[in-house]
Structure formats: C-alpha cells, structure tokens
Amino acid sequence: MKVWNEMKSGMGFFGDIEMLHIYEELENLIVFKNKLPNGHWLAASPADVATDQSLMNCMNTYKRRAPFTIEQINRFIQNNQDMFFKIE
C-alpha cells in the first residue's frame, strides 16, 4: 500500500487511465478486505488472489491490460525523449 499513490500518479503521467482505474479498484479491494475499522491492517499476501474471486478477477484484468500499458509507456518515452534522456 505504500506505493499505490506513486503507481497511480505514474499511470496518470503516462495517460493510461484504464490501468489507473484497475489500480484504484485493486486498492479498494485490498483496503476493504484488510483494513480494520480501528485503522490497523491485516497481513496481505499474494496468495490472497487465489482465495478471493474479486481480487482474482481484478488481477486477471490487470494481466490483460499490462502489455498495452507497457506499449503506451514506451510510446510516450519515444515521443518525449527530451524528458527522459540527455544526449550530448
């Protein structure tokens, strides 16, 4: 959960709104399942995906979207090289 904001910001930066929505859905599922009313957290594990249908569905959506996200990021970097590289 410590990196969610950065991950979501990254998707916003690269303009991948669909992946941003997937991250938000996944975050909401994890918070709903693991955050207690008193603010404490239950331990989360990658194995939770195998036992929770909602998490599994969201992760499957993520896996289908990921190749498009990578391509979109690659295209953005190629079209905006001056933002990422200093060529001398």
C-alpha atoms as a PDB file:
ATOM      1  CA  MET A   1       0.000   0.000   0.000  1.00  0.00           C
ATOM      2  CA  LYS A   2       2.989   2.280   0.432  1.00  0.00           C
ATOM      3  CA  VAL A   3       3.480   2.725  -3.310  1.00  0.00           C
ATOM      4  CA  TRP A   4      -0.132   3.000  -4.519  1.00  0.00           C
ATOM      5  CA  ASN A   5      -0.059   6.789  -4.830  1.00  0.00           C
ATOM      6  CA  GLU A   6       3.130   6.673  -6.885  1.00  0.00           C
ATOM      7  CA  MET A   7       1.785   3.902  -9.104  1.00  0.00           C
ATOM      8  CA  LYS A   8      -1.436   5.814  -9.708  1.00  0.00           C
ATOM      9  CA  SER A   9       0.482   9.030 -10.360  1.00  0.00           C
ATOM     10  CA  GLY A  10       2.638   7.186 -12.879  1.00  0.00           C
ATOM     11  CA  MET A  11      -0.379   5.937 -14.789  1.00  0.00           C
ATOM     12  CA  GLY A  12      -1.793   9.459 -14.788  1.00  0.00           C
ATOM     13  CA  PHE A  13       1.522  10.844 -16.041  1.00  0.00           C
ATOM     14  CA  PHE A  14       1.682   8.344 -18.898  1.00  0.00           C
ATOM     15  CA  GLY A  15      -2.013   8.819 -19.669  1.00  0.00           C
ATOM     16  CA  ASP A  16      -3.098   5.249 -19.019  1.00  0.00           C
ATOM     17  CA  ILE A  17      -6.446   5.946 -17.423  1.00  0.00           C
ATOM     18  CA  GLU A  18      -7.626   2.349 -17.846  1.00  0.00           C
ATOM     19  CA  MET A  19      -4.707   0.981 -15.786  1.00  0.00           C
ATOM     20  CA  LEU A  20      -5.210   3.783 -13.273  1.00  0.00           C
ATOM     21  CA  HIS A  21      -8.783   2.556 -12.775  1.00  0.00           C
ATOM     22  CA  ILE A  22      -7.536  -1.015 -12.350  1.00  0.00           C
ATOM     23  CA  TYR A  23      -5.078   0.163  -9.675  1.00  0.00           C
ATOM     24  CA  GLU A  24      -7.866   2.043  -7.910  1.00  0.00           C
ATOM     25  CA  GLU A  25     -10.158  -0.992  -7.988  1.00  0.00           C
ATOM     26  CA  LEU A  26      -7.388  -3.237  -6.671  1.00  0.00           C
ATOM     27  CA  GLU A  27      -6.556  -0.756  -3.939  1.00  0.00           C
ATOM     28  CA  ASN A  28     -10.216  -0.557  -2.884  1.00  0.00           C
ATOM     29  CA  LEU A  29     -10.492  -4.347  -2.745  1.00  0.00           C
ATOM     30  CA  ILE A  30      -7.367  -4.639  -0.588  1.00  0.00           C
ATOM     31  CA  VAL A  31      -8.450  -1.858   1.750  1.00  0.00           C
ATOM     32  CA  PHE A  32     -11.935  -3.370   2.102  1.00  0.00           C
ATOM     33  CA  LYS A  33     -10.534  -6.816   2.845  1.00  0.00           C
ATOM     34  CA  ASN A  34      -7.544  -5.925   5.044  1.00  0.00           C
ATOM     35  CA  LYS A  35      -8.106  -2.592   6.797  1.00  0.00           C
ATOM     36  CA  LEU A  36      -9.824  -2.956  10.144  1.00  0.00           C
ATOM     37  CA  PRO A  37     -12.271  -0.339  11.490  1.00  0.00           C
ATOM     38  CA  ASN A  38      -9.653   0.722  14.072  1.00  0.00           C
ATOM     39  CA  GLY A  39      -7.194   1.591  11.269  1.00  0.00           C
ATOM     40  CA  HIS A  40      -4.945  -1.423  11.747  1.00  0.00           C
ATOM     41  CA  TRP A  41      -4.172  -3.704   8.849  1.00  0.00           C
ATOM     42  CA  LEU A  42      -4.409  -7.438   8.426  1.00  0.00           C
ATOM     43  CA  ALA A  43      -1.470  -9.022   6.652  1.00  0.00           C
ATOM     44  CA  ALA A  44      -1.952  -9.219   2.902  1.00  0.00           C
ATOM     45  CA  SER A  45      -0.276 -11.795   0.736  1.00  0.00           C
ATOM     46  CA  PRO A  46      -0.055 -12.521  -2.988  1.00  0.00           C
ATOM     47  CA  ALA A  47      -1.691 -15.853  -2.090  1.00  0.00           C
ATOM     48  CA  ASP A  48      -4.882 -13.904  -1.270  1.00  0.00           C
ATOM     49  CA  VAL A  49      -5.544 -13.710  -5.012  1.00  0.00           C
ATOM     50  CA  ALA A  50      -6.076 -17.476  -5.136  1.00  0.00           C
ATOM     51  CA  THR A  51      -8.735 -17.386  -2.422  1.00  0.00           C
ATOM     52  CA  ASP A  52     -10.607 -14.180  -3.280  1.00  0.00           C
ATOM     53  CA  GLN A  53     -12.591 -14.126  -6.526  1.00  0.00           C
ATOM     54  CA  SER A  54     -12.782 -10.320  -6.664  1.00  0.00           C
ATOM     55  CA  LEU A  55      -9.001  -9.994  -6.331  1.00  0.00           C
ATOM     56  CA  MET A  56      -8.515 -12.747  -8.890  1.00  0.00           C
ATOM     57  CA  ASN A  57     -10.808 -11.008 -11.383  1.00  0.00           C
ATOM     58  CA  CYS A  58      -9.053  -7.688 -10.884  1.00  0.00           C
ATOM     59  CA  MET A  59      -5.617  -9.283 -11.292  1.00  0.00           C
ATOM     60  CA  ASN A  60      -6.752 -11.005 -14.477  1.00  0.00           C
ATOM     61  CA  THR A  61      -7.894  -7.641 -15.822  1.00  0.00           C
ATOM     62  CA  TYR A  62      -4.502  -6.209 -14.826  1.00  0.00           C
ATOM     63  CA  LYS A  63      -2.652  -9.004 -16.636  1.00  0.00           C
ATOM     64  CA  ARG A  64      -4.666  -8.443 -19.807  1.00  0.00           C
ATOM     65  CA  ARG A  65      -4.035  -4.683 -19.686  1.00  0.00           C
ATOM     66  CA  ALA A  66      -0.330  -4.747 -18.742  1.00  0.00           C
ATOM     67  CA  PRO A  67       1.076  -5.312 -22.289  1.00  0.00           C
ATOM     68  CA  PHE A  68      -0.894  -2.295 -23.552  1.00  0.00           C
ATOM     69  CA  THR A  69       0.333  -0.224 -20.610  1.00  0.00           C
ATOM     70  CA  ILE A  70       3.944  -1.121 -21.360  1.00  0.00           C
ATOM     71  CA  GLU A  71       3.463  -0.223 -25.024  1.00  0.00           C
ATOM     72  CA  GLN A  72       1.825   3.083 -24.097  1.00  0.00           C
ATOM     73  CA  ILE A  73       4.686   3.982 -21.745  1.00  0.00           C
ATOM     74  CA  ASN A  74       7.245   3.017 -24.400  1.00  0.00           C
ATOM     75  CA  ARG A  75       5.485   5.175 -26.988  1.00  0.00           C
ATOM     76  CA  PHE A  76       5.310   8.115 -24.577  1.00  0.00           C
ATOM     77  CA  ILE A  77       9.026   7.888 -23.818  1.00  0.00           C
ATOM     78  CA  GLN A  78       9.923   7.547 -27.515  1.00  0.00           C
ATOM     79  CA  ASN A  79       7.817  10.610 -28.347  1.00  0.00           C
ATOM     80  CA  ASN A  80       9.186  12.642 -25.429  1.00  0.00           C
ATOM     81  CA  GLN A  81      12.830  11.581 -25.251  1.00  0.00           C
ATOM     82  CA  ASP A  82      13.921  15.031 -24.128  1.00  0.00           C
ATOM     83  CA  MET A  83      12.014  14.460 -20.870  1.00  0.00           C
ATOM     84  CA  PHE A  84      13.959  11.275 -20.120  1.00  0.00           C
ATOM     85  CA  PHE A  85      17.356  11.424 -21.832  1.00  0.00           C
ATOM     86  CA  LYS A  86      20.121  13.926 -22.072  1.00  0.00           C
ATOM     87  CA  ILE A  87      22.060  13.250 -25.247  1.00  0.00           C
ATOM     88  CA  GLU A  88      25.369  15.019 -25.595  1.00  0.00           C
END
